[in-house]
Protein backbone atom coordinates (compact mmCIF):
# COMPACT_ATOMS: atom_id res chain seq x y z
CA MET A 1 -109.97 246.07 36.24
CA PRO A 2 -106.57 245.47 34.49
CA LEU A 3 -105.78 245.17 30.96
CA THR A 4 -102.14 244.42 29.93
CA VAL A 5 -101.10 244.39 26.26
CA THR A 6 -97.64 243.04 25.64
CA LEU A 7 -95.39 243.21 22.34
CA SER A 8 -92.49 240.54 22.31
CA ARG A 9 -90.19 241.55 19.50
CA SER A 10 -87.38 243.96 19.48
CA PRO A 11 -87.53 247.02 19.63
CA ALA A 12 -90.16 246.29 22.07
CA ALA A 13 -90.35 250.08 22.92
CA ASP A 14 -92.38 250.55 19.63
CA LEU A 15 -95.43 249.80 21.51
CA GLY A 16 -95.15 253.28 23.27
CA PHE A 17 -95.10 254.94 20.24
CA LEU A 18 -98.04 253.27 19.15
CA LEU A 19 -100.04 253.76 22.41
CA HIS A 20 -98.79 257.30 22.73
CA LYS A 21 -97.65 256.73 25.95
CA HIS A 22 -93.95 256.84 27.40
CA PRO A 23 -92.72 253.69 29.11
CA ASP A 24 -90.75 255.53 31.83
CA ARG A 25 -93.54 257.40 33.09
CA VAL A 26 -96.92 256.60 34.92
CA GLN A 27 -99.81 258.75 33.68
CA THR A 28 -103.39 259.31 35.18
CA PHE A 29 -106.56 260.27 33.19
CA GLY A 30 -109.76 261.53 34.43
CA LEU A 31 -112.87 259.68 33.51
CA SER A 32 -116.54 260.44 34.19
CA PHE A 33 -116.58 257.52 36.84
CA GLY A 34 -113.23 257.53 38.07
CA GLN A 35 -109.76 257.42 36.88
CA ALA A 36 -107.44 255.33 34.52
CA HIS A 37 -103.68 254.83 35.07
CA VAL A 38 -101.21 253.64 32.43
CA PHE A 39 -98.18 252.05 33.30
CA TYR A 40 -95.43 249.63 31.95
CA PRO A 41 -94.69 246.67 34.37
CA VAL A 42 -92.05 245.35 31.72
CA ALA A 43 -90.02 247.54 29.22
CA GLU A 44 -87.29 245.51 27.98
CA ALA A 45 -85.56 245.22 24.66
CA GLU A 46 -87.41 242.17 23.35
CA ARG A 47 -90.49 242.32 25.47
CA CYS A 48 -92.74 245.63 26.65
CA THR A 49 -96.14 245.33 28.43
CA ALA A 50 -98.41 248.33 29.06
CA ALA A 51 -101.01 248.19 31.49
CA LEU A 52 -104.28 250.20 31.72
CA LEU A 53 -105.72 250.08 35.39
CA VAL A 54 -109.35 251.74 35.94
CA ASP A 55 -110.20 252.81 39.41
CA VAL A 56 -114.07 253.33 39.47
CA ASP A 57 -115.40 255.56 41.91
CA PRO A 58 -119.00 253.72 42.48
CA VAL A 59 -120.54 257.10 43.43
CA ALA A 60 -119.56 258.76 40.35
CA LEU A 61 -120.76 255.93 38.34
CA VAL A 62 -124.30 256.19 39.77
CA ARG A 63 -124.56 259.98 39.66
CA GLY A 64 -126.87 260.98 36.80
CA ARG A 65 -127.31 257.40 35.70
CA ARG A 66 -130.15 256.49 33.47
CA GLY A 67 -130.86 252.99 33.98
CA ALA A 68 -133.59 250.21 33.59
CA ALA A 69 -136.74 250.34 35.47
CA GLY A 70 -135.78 247.45 37.58
CA ASP A 71 -132.73 249.03 39.11
CA GLY A 72 -132.91 249.57 43.05
CA LEU A 73 -130.42 251.80 44.92
CA LEU A 74 -128.93 248.80 46.44
CA ASP A 75 -128.21 247.30 42.90
CA GLN A 76 -126.68 250.90 41.94
CA TYR A 77 -123.98 250.66 44.74
CA VAL A 78 -123.33 246.83 45.24
CA ASN A 79 -122.25 245.21 42.16
CA ASP A 80 -119.05 244.26 40.46
CA ARG A 81 -118.46 247.16 38.19
CA PRO A 82 -115.38 248.52 40.04
CA TYR A 83 -113.66 244.84 39.79
CA ALA A 84 -114.56 243.29 36.64
CA ALA A 85 -113.90 244.28 32.85
CA SER A 86 -117.17 245.60 31.61
CA SER A 87 -118.18 248.77 29.30
CA LEU A 88 -116.30 250.87 31.75
CA LEU A 89 -113.18 249.48 30.36
CA SER A 90 -114.05 249.70 26.72
CA VAL A 91 -114.89 253.57 27.49
CA ALA A 92 -111.60 253.98 29.13
CA ILE A 93 -109.82 252.47 26.08
CA ALA A 94 -111.50 254.96 23.83
CA ASP A 95 -110.57 257.85 25.86
CA VAL A 96 -106.96 256.74 26.84
CA PHE A 97 -105.78 255.10 23.67
CA ARG A 98 -107.92 257.23 21.20
CA SER A 99 -105.09 257.68 18.94
CA ALA A 100 -103.93 254.20 18.83
CA LEU A 101 -107.73 253.17 18.24
CA ALA A 102 -107.81 255.31 15.40
CA GLY A 103 -104.68 253.97 13.96
CA ARG A 104 -102.33 257.03 14.12
CA SER A 105 -98.84 257.52 15.14
CA HIS A 106 -97.07 260.50 14.45
CA GLU A 107 -93.56 259.60 15.30
CA ARG A 108 -93.74 256.10 13.75
CA PRO A 109 -96.52 255.91 11.14
CA GLU A 110 -95.26 253.03 9.51
CA LEU A 111 -95.89 250.71 12.62
CA VAL A 112 -99.55 251.49 12.34
CA GLU A 113 -99.94 248.93 9.39
CA GLU A 114 -97.48 246.38 11.00
CA SER A 115 -98.87 243.10 12.40
CA LEU A 116 -97.31 242.41 15.48
CA PRO A 117 -96.72 239.70 18.00
CA LEU A 118 -99.31 240.87 20.69
CA GLU A 119 -100.63 239.48 23.86
CA ALA A 120 -103.56 240.73 25.65
CA THR A 121 -104.93 240.04 29.15
CA LEU A 122 -108.09 240.68 31.07
CA ALA A 123 -107.59 239.52 34.54
CA ALA A 124 -111.21 239.38 35.44
CA ILE A 125 -114.06 239.41 32.91
CA PRO A 126 -117.64 238.15 32.92
CA CYS A 127 -118.77 236.22 30.49
CA ARG A 128 -122.14 234.95 29.80
CA GLY A 129 -121.83 231.66 27.90
CA GLY A 130 -118.23 230.82 29.38
CA GLU A 131 -115.12 229.41 27.63
CA ALA A 132 -117.55 228.49 24.62
CA VAL A 133 -118.30 232.10 23.91
CA LEU A 134 -114.82 233.31 24.34
CA ARG A 135 -113.65 231.15 21.80
CA ARG A 136 -116.63 231.83 19.35
CA LEU A 137 -115.88 235.41 19.43
CA PHE A 138 -112.04 235.60 19.26
CA ALA A 139 -110.77 232.54 17.57
CA PRO A 140 -112.22 233.68 14.13
CA MET A 141 -109.79 236.43 14.24
CA GLY A 142 -106.98 234.62 14.45
CA TYR A 143 -106.27 234.70 18.17
CA ALA A 144 -104.97 231.87 20.28
CA VAL A 145 -107.39 231.90 23.14
CA THR A 146 -106.37 230.86 26.58
CA ALA A 147 -109.41 231.23 29.31
CA GLN A 148 -109.10 230.40 32.97
CA GLY A 149 -112.27 229.87 34.97
CA TYR A 150 -112.77 230.21 38.76
CA PRO A 151 -115.02 228.57 41.40
CA LEU A 152 -117.55 230.95 42.89
CA ASP A 153 -116.09 230.08 46.27
CA GLU A 154 -113.28 227.32 46.62
CA ARG A 155 -114.75 226.57 50.26
CA PHE A 156 -117.99 225.75 48.63
CA PRO A 157 -117.49 223.50 45.49
CA VAL A 158 -121.13 222.74 45.27
CA TRP A 159 -121.90 226.60 44.37
CA GLY A 160 -120.34 225.72 41.28
CA ALA A 161 -118.30 228.01 38.75
CA SER A 162 -118.18 231.85 39.18
CA PRO A 163 -118.94 233.95 35.63
CA TYR A 164 -115.50 235.41 35.79
CA TRP A 165 -112.53 234.37 33.65
CA THR A 166 -109.06 235.71 32.86
CA LEU A 167 -108.73 235.65 29.32
CA THR A 168 -105.52 235.89 27.34
CA LEU A 169 -105.21 236.48 23.54
CA THR A 170 -102.33 236.05 21.65
CA GLY A 171 -101.47 236.64 17.70
CA ARG A 172 -100.21 238.79 15.09
CA GLN A 173 -102.40 241.80 14.74
CA ARG A 174 -102.20 245.56 14.09
CA LEU A 175 -102.64 247.05 17.66
CA GLN A 176 -105.33 249.30 16.27
CA ASP A 177 -107.41 246.13 15.55
CA LEU A 178 -106.49 244.51 18.73
CA LEU A 179 -107.85 247.59 20.53
CA ARG A 180 -111.05 247.58 18.25
CA HIS A 181 -111.78 244.06 19.11
CA LEU A 182 -111.50 244.58 22.81
CA TYR A 183 -113.40 247.77 22.52
CA VAL A 184 -116.53 245.87 20.79
CA LEU A 185 -116.24 242.63 22.55
CA ILE A 186 -115.65 243.48 26.09
CA PRO A 187 -119.44 244.59 26.62
CA VAL A 188 -120.50 241.72 24.33
CA LEU A 189 -119.12 239.13 26.76
CA ASP A 190 -120.49 240.91 29.72
CA ASP A 191 -123.88 241.30 28.01
CA ASP A 192 -124.39 244.74 29.86
CA LYS A 193 -123.33 248.43 29.63
CA HIS A 194 -123.08 250.99 32.41
CA TYR A 195 -125.11 253.66 30.05
CA TRP A 196 -128.14 253.98 28.08
CA VAL A 197 -127.95 252.42 24.57
CA GLY A 198 -129.47 254.55 21.80
CA ASP A 199 -128.97 255.40 18.12
CA ASP A 200 -125.49 256.50 18.33
CA GLU A 201 -124.40 253.02 19.60
CA VAL A 202 -125.08 251.62 16.07
CA GLU A 203 -122.53 254.28 14.67
CA LYS A 204 -119.98 253.16 17.41
CA LEU A 205 -120.59 249.70 16.71
CA LEU A 206 -120.12 250.11 12.82
CA ARG A 207 -117.13 252.42 13.29
CA HIS A 208 -115.11 250.17 15.38
CA GLY A 209 -116.11 247.32 13.74
CA GLU A 210 -115.17 248.42 10.40
CA GLY A 211 -112.91 246.06 8.74
CA TRP A 212 -113.77 242.93 10.53
CA LEU A 213 -117.15 242.76 12.20
CA ALA A 214 -119.08 242.24 8.76
CA ALA A 215 -117.18 239.21 7.95
CA HIS A 216 -117.45 237.54 11.92
CA PRO A 217 -119.24 234.58 11.78
CA GLU A 218 -121.04 235.68 15.19
CA ARG A 219 -121.91 239.45 13.78
CA GLN A 220 -125.48 238.90 14.75
CA PHE A 221 -124.94 237.76 18.25
CA ILE A 222 -122.25 240.48 18.72
CA ALA A 223 -124.87 243.21 17.37
CA ASP A 224 -127.32 241.57 19.62
CA ARG A 225 -125.50 241.85 22.80
CA TYR A 226 -123.74 245.02 22.02
CA LEU A 227 -126.95 246.91 21.44
CA LYS A 228 -128.51 245.32 24.61
CA HIS A 229 -131.05 243.34 22.77
CA ARG A 230 -132.96 246.35 21.44
CA ARG A 231 -134.36 244.81 18.12
CA ARG A 232 -134.55 248.18 16.06
CA LEU A 233 -131.02 248.91 16.59
CA VAL A 234 -129.85 245.51 15.95
CA ASP A 235 -131.77 245.22 12.81
CA THR A 236 -130.28 248.50 11.62
CA ALA A 237 -126.63 247.52 12.64
CA VAL A 238 -126.86 244.43 10.69
CA ALA A 239 -128.60 245.55 7.75
CA ARG A 240 -125.73 248.11 7.24
CA LEU A 241 -122.98 245.52 8.06
CA THR A 242 -124.49 243.21 5.23
CA GLU A 243 -125.28 246.06 2.34
CA GLY A 244 -123.08 245.74 -0.60
CA GLU A 245 -121.81 242.23 0.01
CA GLY A 246 -123.32 241.12 -3.23
CA GLY A 247 -120.11 241.69 -5.63
CA VAL A 248 -116.41 242.88 -6.02
CA ASP A 249 -116.99 246.39 -6.71
CA ASP A 250 -120.23 247.02 -5.10
CA GLY A 251 -121.63 249.05 -8.13
CA PRO A 252 -123.54 248.60 -11.23
CA GLY A 253 -122.15 246.21 -13.52
CA ALA A 254 -119.89 244.88 -10.93
CA LEU A 255 -119.05 240.88 -10.92
CA PRO A 256 -121.80 239.04 -9.65
CA GLU A 257 -121.41 237.13 -6.22
CA SER A 258 -121.85 233.80 -8.36
CA LEU A 259 -118.27 234.45 -10.09
CA LEU A 260 -116.30 235.00 -6.96
CA PRO A 261 -113.97 232.27 -5.93
CA ALA A 262 -114.56 229.89 -3.12
CA ALA A 263 -112.08 231.67 -0.97
CA GLU A 264 -113.58 235.04 -1.30
CA PRO A 265 -114.39 236.22 2.41
CA VAL A 266 -117.85 237.58 3.23
CA LEU A 267 -116.47 240.95 3.70
CA SER A 268 -116.93 242.52 0.22
CA LEU A 269 -113.56 243.49 -1.42
CA HIS A 270 -114.72 247.37 -1.70
CA GLN A 271 -115.04 247.41 2.20
CA GLN A 272 -111.62 245.96 2.39
CA ARG A 273 -110.36 248.65 -0.02
CA LEU A 274 -111.97 251.32 1.99
CA THR A 275 -110.43 250.00 5.46
CA ALA A 276 -106.87 249.97 3.70
CA VAL A 277 -107.22 253.41 2.52
CA LEU A 278 -108.87 254.63 5.70
CA ALA A 279 -106.02 253.45 7.80
CA VAL A 280 -103.41 255.13 5.65
CA LEU A 281 -104.98 258.39 5.89
CA GLN A 282 -105.38 257.97 9.79
CA GLY A 283 -101.49 256.86 10.07
CA SER A 284 -100.58 259.95 7.93
CA GLY A 285 -101.74 262.48 10.54
CA ALA A 286 -103.68 264.35 7.83
CA ARG A 287 -106.38 266.61 8.70
CA ARG A 288 -107.82 268.08 5.61
CA VAL A 289 -108.73 265.26 3.01
CA LEU A 290 -110.09 264.99 -0.40
CA ASP A 291 -112.15 261.99 -1.56
CA LEU A 292 -111.50 262.32 -5.54
CA GLY A 293 -114.40 260.49 -7.45
CA CYS A 294 -116.37 260.14 -3.95
CA GLY A 295 -119.51 258.47 -5.71
CA GLU A 296 -122.00 257.47 -3.06
CA GLY A 297 -119.93 258.35 -0.17
CA ARG A 298 -118.92 255.45 1.46
CA LEU A 299 -115.35 256.44 2.14
CA LEU A 300 -116.87 260.17 3.41
CA GLN A 301 -118.94 258.19 5.67
CA LEU A 302 -116.01 256.90 7.62
CA LEU A 303 -114.05 259.91 7.33
CA LEU A 304 -116.67 261.83 8.95
CA ALA A 305 -117.10 259.33 11.89
CA ASP A 306 -113.53 260.16 12.62
CA PRO A 307 -113.20 263.33 14.40
CA PRO A 308 -109.26 264.24 13.90
CA PHE A 309 -110.38 264.64 10.20
CA THR A 310 -111.61 268.31 10.39
CA GLU A 311 -111.91 269.01 6.77
CA ILE A 312 -113.38 266.70 4.32
CA VAL A 313 -114.39 267.29 0.59
CA GLY A 314 -115.77 264.84 -1.69
CA LEU A 315 -115.72 265.36 -5.36
CA ASP A 316 -117.43 263.62 -8.31
CA VAL A 317 -118.55 264.29 -11.90
CA SER A 318 -122.11 262.91 -11.21
CA ALA A 319 -124.70 265.06 -9.55
CA ARG A 320 -126.80 261.98 -8.80
CA ALA A 321 -124.00 260.23 -7.15
CA LEU A 322 -123.45 263.10 -4.83
CA GLU A 323 -127.29 263.53 -4.04
CA THR A 324 -126.95 259.79 -3.00
CA ALA A 325 -123.79 260.61 -0.98
CA ALA A 326 -125.72 263.37 1.07
CA GLU A 327 -128.70 260.99 1.70
CA ARG A 328 -126.20 258.29 2.74
CA LEU A 329 -124.38 260.41 5.05
CA ARG A 330 -127.84 262.05 6.34
CA LEU A 331 -126.55 265.50 6.35
CA ASP A 332 -129.57 267.04 6.93
CA ARG A 333 -129.94 265.47 10.31
CA ARG A 334 -126.22 265.73 11.56
CA PRO A 335 -125.12 268.09 14.10
CA GLU A 336 -124.05 271.58 12.65
CA GLY A 337 -120.35 270.80 13.65
CA GLN A 338 -120.40 267.64 11.54
CA ARG A 339 -121.97 269.34 8.51
CA GLU A 340 -119.30 272.05 8.55
CA ARG A 341 -116.65 269.49 8.07
CA LEU A 342 -117.93 268.05 5.10
CA GLN A 343 -118.37 269.62 1.57
CA LEU A 344 -119.48 268.02 -1.68
CA LEU A 345 -118.30 269.33 -4.99
CA GLN A 346 -119.45 268.63 -8.44
CA GLY A 347 -116.39 268.29 -10.87
CA SER A 348 -114.11 266.38 -13.35
CA LEU A 349 -110.63 264.85 -12.32
CA THR A 350 -109.47 265.80 -15.89
CA TYR A 351 -109.92 269.37 -15.50
CA ARG A 352 -107.74 271.91 -13.34
CA ASP A 353 -109.96 272.76 -10.13
CA ARG A 354 -108.45 275.37 -7.73
CA ARG A 355 -110.94 274.21 -5.00
CA LEU A 356 -108.64 270.86 -4.71
CA ALA A 357 -105.48 272.98 -3.85
CA GLY A 358 -103.83 273.09 -0.25
CA TYR A 359 -105.26 269.81 1.37
CA ASP A 360 -103.16 267.35 3.49
CA ALA A 361 -104.27 264.17 1.63
CA ALA A 362 -106.36 262.99 -1.19
CA ALA A 363 -107.90 259.46 -1.83
CA VAL A 364 -108.87 258.01 -5.21
CA VAL A 365 -110.37 254.67 -4.71
CA GLU A 366 -111.22 252.79 -7.85
CA VAL A 367 -111.40 255.76 -10.16
CA ILE A 368 -108.63 255.51 -12.43
CA GLU A 369 -109.73 252.48 -14.33
CA HIS A 370 -112.76 254.32 -15.17
CA LEU A 371 -110.91 256.95 -17.22
CA ASP A 372 -109.91 256.74 -20.92
CA PRO A 373 -106.27 256.29 -21.22
CA THR A 374 -106.03 259.28 -23.34
CA ARG A 375 -107.29 261.32 -20.27
CA LEU A 376 -105.07 259.65 -17.88
CA THR A 377 -102.53 262.42 -18.35
CA SER A 378 -104.83 265.04 -17.56
CA PHE A 379 -105.79 263.44 -14.36
CA GLU A 380 -102.09 263.11 -13.40
CA ARG A 381 -101.57 266.76 -13.72
CA VAL A 382 -104.79 267.63 -11.86
CA VAL A 383 -103.79 265.77 -8.95
CA PHE A 384 -100.33 265.66 -8.52
CA GLU A 385 -99.20 269.08 -10.02
CA HIS A 386 -101.93 271.37 -9.43
CA ALA A 387 -103.95 269.91 -6.31
CA ARG A 388 -100.61 268.67 -5.14
CA PRO A 389 -101.74 267.31 -1.69
CA GLY A 390 -98.90 265.88 0.67
CA LEU A 391 -100.46 262.44 0.21
CA VAL A 392 -102.11 260.66 -2.41
CA VAL A 393 -103.72 257.07 -1.95
CA ILE A 394 -104.95 255.35 -5.20
CA THR A 395 -106.55 251.85 -5.67
CA THR A 396 -107.35 250.12 -8.75
CA PRO A 397 -108.19 246.29 -9.73
CA ASN A 398 -105.33 243.72 -10.56
CA ILE A 399 -106.15 242.08 -13.82
CA GLU A 400 -103.98 239.20 -12.99
CA TYR A 401 -106.49 238.22 -10.36
CA ASN A 402 -109.40 238.11 -12.86
CA ALA A 403 -108.38 234.45 -13.65
CA LEU A 404 -109.58 233.28 -10.51
CA PHE A 405 -113.05 234.10 -11.34
CA PRO A 406 -114.42 231.02 -12.96
CA GLY A 407 -117.17 232.68 -14.75
CA LEU A 408 -115.38 235.66 -16.12
CA PRO A 409 -114.56 235.12 -19.88
CA ALA A 410 -110.91 235.62 -20.77
CA GLY A 411 -110.21 239.08 -21.81
CA ARG A 412 -113.13 240.56 -20.13
CA LEU A 413 -112.78 243.25 -17.63
CA ARG A 414 -114.17 243.34 -14.20
CA HIS A 415 -116.75 245.99 -14.60
CA ARG A 416 -118.37 246.95 -17.77
CA ASP A 417 -117.29 250.66 -17.17
CA HIS A 418 -113.66 249.87 -16.88
CA ARG A 419 -111.37 251.41 -19.67
CA PHE A 420 -108.53 249.27 -18.64
CA GLU A 421 -107.07 247.21 -15.95
CA TRP A 422 -103.46 246.66 -14.98
CA THR A 423 -101.14 243.91 -14.03
CA ARG A 424 -99.07 244.73 -10.81
CA ALA A 425 -96.12 245.42 -12.86
CA GLN A 426 -97.85 247.88 -14.75
CA PHE A 427 -99.30 249.70 -11.71
CA GLN A 428 -95.87 249.83 -10.03
CA ALA A 429 -94.41 251.29 -13.25
CA TRP A 430 -96.88 253.90 -13.69
CA ALA A 431 -96.72 254.76 -9.94
CA GLU A 432 -93.15 255.13 -9.92
CA ASP A 433 -93.18 257.39 -13.16
CA ILE A 434 -95.50 259.75 -11.41
CA GLY A 435 -93.40 259.70 -8.10
CA ASN A 436 -90.18 260.61 -10.51
CA GLN A 437 -92.29 263.30 -12.55
CA TYR A 438 -93.92 265.32 -9.70
CA GLY A 439 -91.65 264.53 -6.82
CA TYR A 440 -93.49 261.88 -4.81
CA THR A 441 -92.17 258.73 -3.46
CA ALA A 442 -94.50 255.88 -4.21
CA THR A 443 -95.15 252.51 -2.56
CA CYS A 444 -97.32 249.80 -3.88
CA ARG A 445 -99.39 247.43 -1.89
CA PRO A 446 -101.66 244.66 -2.46
CA VAL A 447 -105.47 244.88 -1.06
CA GLY A 448 -107.48 241.80 -0.52
CA PRO A 449 -106.70 237.96 -0.16
CA GLU A 450 -103.29 237.25 -1.82
CA ASP A 451 -103.05 234.35 -4.04
CA PRO A 452 -99.16 232.91 -4.60
CA ASP A 453 -99.75 233.18 -8.41
CA PRO A 454 -101.71 236.29 -9.44
CA GLY A 455 -101.27 238.09 -6.05
CA ALA A 456 -104.55 240.26 -4.45
CA PRO A 457 -107.65 241.32 -6.54
CA SER A 458 -106.80 245.05 -5.81
CA GLN A 459 -103.82 247.06 -5.58
CA MET A 460 -102.93 250.31 -3.85
CA ALA A 461 -100.43 253.02 -4.22
CA VAL A 462 -99.40 255.51 -1.62
CA PHE A 463 -97.64 258.65 -2.75
CA ARG A 464 -95.88 260.94 -0.39
CA ARG A 465 -94.62 264.30 -1.56
CA SER A 466 -91.11 264.75 -1.20
CA THR A 467 -89.77 267.27 1.25
CA ALA A 468 -86.71 268.48 -0.81
């Protein structure tokens, strides 16, 4: 079952850095049901194609299988699994392209966030519902969809069409997003999985659907098929996907949904912030991470779901918020290994705290605008002078965007607890001043849908500590 991914821009060899697979070598990986091979049929300056070929051992596939009650011995050995794209391919993508799927590239971290001209082709994929389902699932994410169907047998046209398609997706995407889309949607098209579906599949769906699935018009359909129509699991997944859609900041006093501009996407702005921050942390290669002002633990939940983050600390001044975070993260029900990776601390970001020193990275998501301006200098010293992580990611609202909220009175801030909100120029100037004062380089980026005049609703600064 081959999958090919093509990058068509120079230098096309960047695809090798993103996939962590060298174009000059054929690499083979062992799987529980066979082997996966990665090779490059095309490796030129302007175009590079990586191929993932999964070689299924039918006996290994059946061994130890837990299946449905109606499965017979013949069904286990005589099927299309060795030849058609299915959940087996999704497992291979997760195993073989683990770093790319997580959005990490140690050699070229800047590539992770770049939207690239990509093309993915699945040579033989079963799709219940045919071309209409293929387009319903992939077109909303910006892909040009090309689907080629086949007759069941050319010698007997009366038998009709086969369930198999050759699917080609073309568009500008981050490679991580393309792989996540394929990982989730391949078994959705097939409407089947080769393994037992339990509670952990909900976590997989939410983790790999982070940043796109909640906004997808077919999210209910996707969850239903991905979880093999198990109603309890589907209801849990959809409820968690839709939680927090009611406002910009997802918190008490946040701007109500009725005030959002018509173009505001279904995916909440806070979810978009968390996705953007997570992507930067993943791309940095950080292992020990601070979430400063962690609140109820939404970012902690994403970090904990990503195994490369080996030590995670959430700090907040509110004891109640930390209790809520512990409940949200279900710490009392997690395996000991996961619990040991996470520590929740109560503390203030305006007082020096020795517990925060020595970490690779720190995230400060929608926190600084809640500080009195007179306390901002203390915050800067705590984070950049004393804790001094290698990477700091800070997000804050862009006040210029407030004009697009028709029900927001002029001069009113977006949240009743905000002490200030900055323009893009003010945030850029503050970030540059921090960098010059404490030895960091600062880069500012928009977060959320951009308008030509006021920009995006939120803004993010990425601080990297200078090596000199």
